[in-house]
Protein backbone atom coordinates (compact mmCIF):
# COMPACT_ATOMS: atom_id res chain seq x y z
CA MET A 1 -0.24 2.99 -27.62
CA THR A 2 -2.14 4.07 -24.52
CA GLN A 3 -1.16 2.21 -21.37
CA THR A 4 -3.54 1.02 -18.65
CA ILE A 5 -3.19 0.91 -14.86
CA PHE A 6 -5.53 -1.04 -12.57
CA ILE A 7 -5.71 0.41 -9.04
CA THR A 8 -7.25 -1.05 -5.88
CA GLY A 9 -8.32 1.24 -3.03
CA ALA A 10 -8.83 4.21 -5.33
CA SER A 11 -11.67 5.98 -3.53
CA THR A 12 -9.45 8.23 -1.37
CA GLY A 13 -5.87 9.08 -0.46
CA LEU A 14 -2.97 7.68 -2.45
CA GLY A 15 -5.13 5.50 -4.71
CA ARG A 16 -7.28 8.42 -5.78
CA ALA A 17 -4.30 10.75 -6.28
CA THR A 18 -2.58 8.08 -8.39
CA ALA A 19 -5.69 7.56 -10.53
CA LEU A 20 -5.90 11.28 -11.26
CA LEU A 21 -2.16 11.60 -11.98
CA PHE A 22 -2.02 8.71 -14.43
CA ALA A 23 -5.17 9.92 -16.20
CA GLN A 24 -3.60 13.36 -16.49
CA LYS A 25 -0.55 11.75 -18.11
CA GLY A 26 -2.74 10.09 -20.74
CA TRP A 27 -3.08 6.61 -19.25
CA LYS A 28 -6.28 4.61 -19.12
CA VAL A 29 -7.12 4.07 -15.47
CA ILE A 30 -9.32 1.40 -13.93
CA ALA A 31 -10.02 2.73 -10.44
CA THR A 32 -11.57 0.20 -8.08
CA MET A 33 -13.19 0.61 -4.67
CA ARG A 34 -15.59 -1.15 -2.34
CA SER A 35 -18.46 1.31 -2.88
CA PRO A 36 -18.36 2.62 -6.47
CA ASP A 37 -21.97 3.80 -6.16
CA GLN A 38 -20.78 6.47 -3.71
CA GLU A 39 -18.16 7.83 -6.13
CA THR A 40 -19.47 10.80 -8.09
CA GLU A 41 -16.30 12.46 -9.44
CA LEU A 42 -13.64 9.98 -10.61
CA GLY A 43 -15.84 8.41 -13.28
CA LYS A 44 -16.26 11.81 -14.93
CA VAL A 45 -12.52 12.22 -15.47
CA PRO A 46 -11.48 11.36 -19.04
CA GLY A 47 -9.71 8.02 -19.16
CA ILE A 48 -10.90 6.75 -15.77
CA THR A 49 -13.23 3.75 -15.46
CA VAL A 50 -14.62 3.01 -12.00
CA MET A 51 -15.29 -0.58 -10.91
CA GLY A 52 -16.35 -2.20 -7.66
CA LEU A 53 -13.84 -4.35 -5.79
CA ASP A 54 -13.61 -5.59 -2.22
CA VAL A 55 -10.21 -7.28 -2.01
CA THR A 56 -11.48 -9.61 0.73
CA ASN A 57 -14.06 -11.10 -1.69
CA PRO A 58 -12.41 -13.75 -3.90
CA ALA A 59 -15.46 -14.11 -6.16
CA GLN A 60 -15.58 -10.38 -6.82
CA ILE A 61 -11.82 -10.30 -7.43
CA ALA A 62 -12.21 -12.89 -10.20
CA GLU A 63 -15.21 -11.07 -11.67
CA THR A 64 -13.57 -7.62 -11.64
CA ALA A 65 -10.28 -8.90 -13.03
CA LYS A 66 -12.15 -10.56 -15.90
CA ALA A 67 -14.06 -7.35 -16.63
CA ALA A 68 -10.86 -5.27 -16.53
CA LEU A 69 -8.94 -7.61 -18.82
CA ALA A 70 -11.86 -7.60 -21.26
CA LEU A 71 -11.10 -3.90 -21.83
CA GLY A 72 -7.58 -4.68 -23.01
CA PRO A 73 -4.08 -5.45 -21.67
CA ILE A 74 -3.15 -4.24 -18.17
CA ASP A 75 0.28 -2.61 -18.10
CA VAL A 76 0.39 -1.91 -14.36
CA LEU A 77 -1.41 -3.61 -11.49
CA PHE A 78 -1.27 -1.27 -8.48
CA ASN A 79 -2.21 -3.09 -5.27
CA ASN A 80 -3.01 -0.17 -3.00
CA ALA A 81 -6.03 -1.15 -0.87
CA GLY A 82 -5.31 -1.54 2.83
CA TYR A 83 -5.80 -0.21 6.33
CA GLY A 84 -3.99 -0.17 9.67
CA LEU A 85 -4.66 -2.20 12.81
CA ALA A 86 -2.97 -0.50 15.75
CA GLY A 87 -2.89 -0.96 19.50
CA ALA A 88 -2.12 -3.81 21.87
CA PHE A 89 -1.64 -7.16 20.14
CA GLU A 90 -2.99 -8.91 23.23
CA GLY A 91 -6.23 -6.97 22.85
CA ALA A 92 -6.82 -7.87 19.21
CA THR A 93 -9.78 -10.13 18.50
CA ASP A 94 -9.42 -13.04 16.13
CA ALA A 95 -11.80 -11.28 13.73
CA GLN A 96 -9.53 -8.21 13.73
CA LEU A 97 -6.46 -10.35 13.02
CA VAL A 98 -8.19 -12.20 10.18
CA ASN A 99 -9.55 -9.03 8.58
CA GLN A 100 -6.16 -7.29 8.68
CA LEU A 101 -4.43 -10.24 7.02
CA ASN A 102 -7.29 -10.74 4.55
CA THR A 103 -7.20 -7.11 3.41
CA ASN A 104 -3.54 -6.14 3.48
CA LEU A 105 -1.83 -9.43 2.63
CA LEU A 106 -4.17 -12.02 1.16
CA GLY A 107 -6.11 -9.36 -0.75
CA VAL A 108 -2.95 -8.33 -2.59
CA MET A 109 -2.00 -11.94 -3.28
CA ARG A 110 -5.45 -12.87 -4.58
CA VAL A 111 -5.76 -9.83 -6.84
CA THR A 112 -2.29 -10.46 -8.24
CA GLN A 113 -3.07 -14.11 -8.85
CA ALA A 114 -6.21 -13.15 -10.75
CA PHE A 115 -4.19 -11.01 -13.17
CA LEU A 116 -1.11 -13.22 -13.52
CA PRO A 117 -2.32 -15.48 -16.36
CA GLY A 118 -3.06 -12.44 -18.54
CA LEU A 119 0.14 -10.62 -17.59
CA ARG A 120 2.30 -13.70 -18.10
CA THR A 121 0.73 -14.41 -21.48
CA GLN A 122 1.18 -10.87 -22.76
CA GLY A 123 4.83 -10.97 -21.66
CA TYR A 124 5.10 -7.54 -20.04
CA GLY A 125 3.72 -5.57 -17.12
CA THR A 126 4.46 -4.25 -13.64
CA ILE A 127 2.96 -5.40 -10.35
CA LEU A 128 3.33 -2.56 -7.85
CA THR A 129 2.19 -2.87 -4.23
CA THR A 130 1.84 -0.18 -1.57
CA THR A 131 3.69 -1.40 1.49
CA SER A 132 4.88 1.28 3.90
CA ILE A 133 7.99 2.39 5.72
CA GLY A 134 6.28 0.04 8.18
CA GLY A 135 7.34 -2.80 5.88
CA LEU A 136 11.01 -1.91 6.42
CA VAL A 137 11.14 -0.66 10.03
CA ALA A 138 8.91 -1.31 13.05
CA PHE A 139 7.19 0.95 15.57
CA PRO A 140 5.44 0.04 18.84
CA PHE A 141 1.79 -1.09 18.85
CA ASN A 142 1.55 -1.83 15.13
CA SER A 143 2.61 -5.48 15.18
CA VAL A 144 -0.14 -6.98 13.01
CA TYR A 145 0.02 -4.13 10.49
CA HIS A 146 3.80 -4.62 10.31
CA ALA A 147 3.29 -8.36 9.82
CA THR A 148 1.28 -7.64 6.67
CA LYS A 149 3.61 -4.98 5.29
CA TRP A 150 6.84 -6.88 6.01
CA GLY A 151 5.09 -9.89 4.48
CA LEU A 152 4.33 -7.94 1.30
CA GLU A 153 7.95 -6.83 0.99
CA GLY A 154 9.20 -10.41 1.29
CA TRP A 155 6.50 -11.74 -1.02
CA SER A 156 7.34 -9.11 -3.65
CA GLU A 157 11.08 -9.74 -3.50
CA SER A 158 10.58 -13.49 -3.94
CA LEU A 159 7.90 -13.14 -6.60
CA ALA A 160 10.18 -10.94 -8.69
CA PHE A 161 12.52 -13.89 -9.26
CA GLU A 162 9.84 -16.17 -10.66
CA LEU A 163 8.12 -13.58 -12.84
CA GLU A 164 11.21 -11.96 -14.40
CA PRO A 165 11.56 -14.67 -17.10
CA PHE A 166 8.05 -13.73 -18.30
CA GLY A 167 8.90 -10.05 -18.72
CA LEU A 168 7.09 -8.98 -15.54
CA LYS A 169 8.44 -6.55 -12.95
CA VAL A 170 7.50 -6.63 -9.27
CA LYS A 171 7.91 -3.46 -7.21
CA THR A 172 6.80 -1.93 -3.92
CA ILE A 173 6.20 1.67 -2.93
CA ALA A 174 6.97 2.30 0.75
CA PRO A 175 5.65 5.70 1.86
CA GLY A 176 6.01 7.32 5.25
CA GLY A 177 3.33 9.56 6.69
CA ILE A 178 0.77 10.78 4.15
CA ALA A 179 -1.42 13.81 4.86
CA THR A 180 -4.77 12.08 4.32
CA ASP A 181 -7.66 11.00 6.53
CA PHE A 182 -5.99 7.57 6.95
CA ALA A 183 -6.08 7.82 10.75
CA SER A 184 -9.81 8.48 10.92
CA ARG A 185 -10.84 6.36 7.92
CA SER A 186 -8.35 3.50 7.70
CA LEU A 187 -7.10 2.91 11.24
CA VAL A 188 -8.63 0.40 13.67
CA PHE A 189 -7.52 0.39 17.32
CA THR A 190 -7.29 -2.51 19.72
CA THR A 191 -7.28 -1.84 23.45
CA HIS A 192 -6.12 -3.66 26.59
CA PRO A 193 -5.92 -2.13 30.09
CA ALA A 194 -2.37 -3.39 30.71
CA TYR A 195 -0.96 -1.31 27.85
CA MET A 196 -2.90 1.96 27.92
CA ASP A 197 -0.12 4.18 29.31
CA ALA A 198 2.39 2.94 26.75
CA ILE A 199 -0.17 3.26 23.95
CA ALA A 200 -0.87 6.86 24.98
CA LYS A 201 2.86 7.68 24.83
CA THR A 202 3.19 6.05 21.43
CA MET A 203 0.16 7.80 19.96
CA ALA A 204 1.38 11.15 21.29
CA ALA A 205 4.73 10.59 19.57
CA PHE A 206 3.01 9.69 16.30
CA ALA A 207 0.89 12.85 16.54
CA ASP A 208 3.81 15.16 17.32
CA PRO A 209 3.57 18.12 14.88
CA GLU A 210 7.34 18.23 14.35
CA ARG A 211 7.39 14.55 13.39
CA ARG A 212 4.36 14.91 11.12
CA SER A 213 5.86 17.95 9.36
CA ASN A 214 8.14 15.65 7.36
CA GLY A 215 5.20 13.73 5.90
CA SER A 216 4.10 13.84 2.27
CA SER A 217 0.91 14.73 0.48
CA ALA A 218 -0.94 11.99 -1.39
CA GLU A 219 -0.01 13.78 -4.61
CA GLN A 220 3.70 13.68 -3.77
CA VAL A 221 3.56 9.93 -3.15
CA ALA A 222 1.55 9.50 -6.36
CA ASP A 223 4.46 11.19 -8.17
CA ALA A 224 6.75 8.58 -6.58
CA VAL A 225 4.41 5.83 -7.78
CA TYR A 226 4.64 7.16 -11.33
CA ALA A 227 8.43 7.39 -11.10
CA ALA A 228 8.63 3.80 -9.83
CA VAL A 229 6.43 2.56 -12.67
CA MET A 230 8.54 4.33 -15.28
CA ASP A 231 11.90 3.28 -13.80
CA ASP A 232 13.70 0.54 -15.76
CA ALA A 233 16.14 -0.28 -12.97
CA ASP A 234 16.27 -3.77 -11.51
CA LYS A 235 14.89 -2.56 -8.19
CA ILE A 236 12.11 -3.78 -5.89
CA THR A 237 11.46 -1.22 -3.16
CA TYR A 238 10.96 2.52 -3.68
CA VAL A 239 10.92 4.45 -0.40
CA ALA A 240 8.70 7.54 -0.73
CA GLY A 241 8.71 10.66 1.42
CA GLU A 242 11.46 12.45 3.30
CA ASP A 243 10.41 10.95 6.65
CA ALA A 244 10.45 7.41 5.28
CA LYS A 245 13.81 7.92 3.58
CA ALA A 246 15.34 9.33 6.78
CA ASN A 247 14.02 6.44 8.89
CA TYR A 248 15.22 3.75 6.51
CA THR A 249 18.59 5.39 5.92
CA GLN A 250 19.15 5.60 9.67
CA ARG A 251 18.20 1.96 10.22
CA LEU A 252 20.66 0.84 7.56
CA ALA A 253 23.40 3.14 8.88
CA VAL A 254 23.29 2.32 12.61
CA GLY A 255 22.01 -1.24 12.47
CA ILE A 256 18.85 -2.84 13.80
CA ASP A 257 19.70 -2.82 17.52
CA LYS A 258 20.72 0.85 17.74
CA PHE A 259 17.76 1.84 15.59
CA ARG A 260 15.39 -0.02 17.90
CA ALA A 261 16.91 1.74 20.91
CA GLY A 262 16.19 5.07 19.27
CA ILE A 263 12.60 4.09 18.46
CA LYS A 264 12.08 2.95 22.06
CA GLN A 265 13.35 6.28 23.37
CA MET A 266 11.26 8.30 20.94
CA PHE A 267 7.96 6.49 21.38
CA LEU A 268 8.06 5.01 24.88
CA GLY A 269 10.31 7.45 26.76
């Protein structure tokens, strides 16, 4: 029996790579995005159905979930839509704070809630959410982004307990750097004059070619998504990418305080 995956944020990057990979492996794919009218390629791929979905729009979430479930059972819900808010927390507007939480955290929760009755009734399925290595460790000038990603890790770990009796698995995929246009397309910056020197140091460290060389392609992380979906282990978080694995391993090995000291030295000098 052909399985089906529903993906949010499938227009570019990891979401798109995952849609193509699962279709290649014979899955039915429902690829959603905010502007489906601008997508000219994915819908032509055998097995892929494109639908519109803005995860900050509760009415559209309900409508799209209903349309997706009308096509048949959903085996995997992949919550992937999101973006980064970076810069000085003091400089963030209330609108920026609300939009980051609405997209990265509440969007995931609302989409999941829309699918839960169907998943619970069918008695099987996987809810997989893209968090980030930024949901397990913290870097300077990403505080609100971290709040959403750490929140998703905690939410997923707790949710797994309550959904397990219904045959549902809850997992997260936590990638490190991905070689996509995330920085230009999915990164919003806040500014404040008191922090500009420190922000410049931090951004220079993030952009360092040696540091970025350990990043992954979207296709490599999509492979990790597929492996996580297919894994039967009782496991929540799947760290993806050599850079992410190295960061998380080091944090666990040396402890939070020593790890923070190293991050401070690396990013703030």
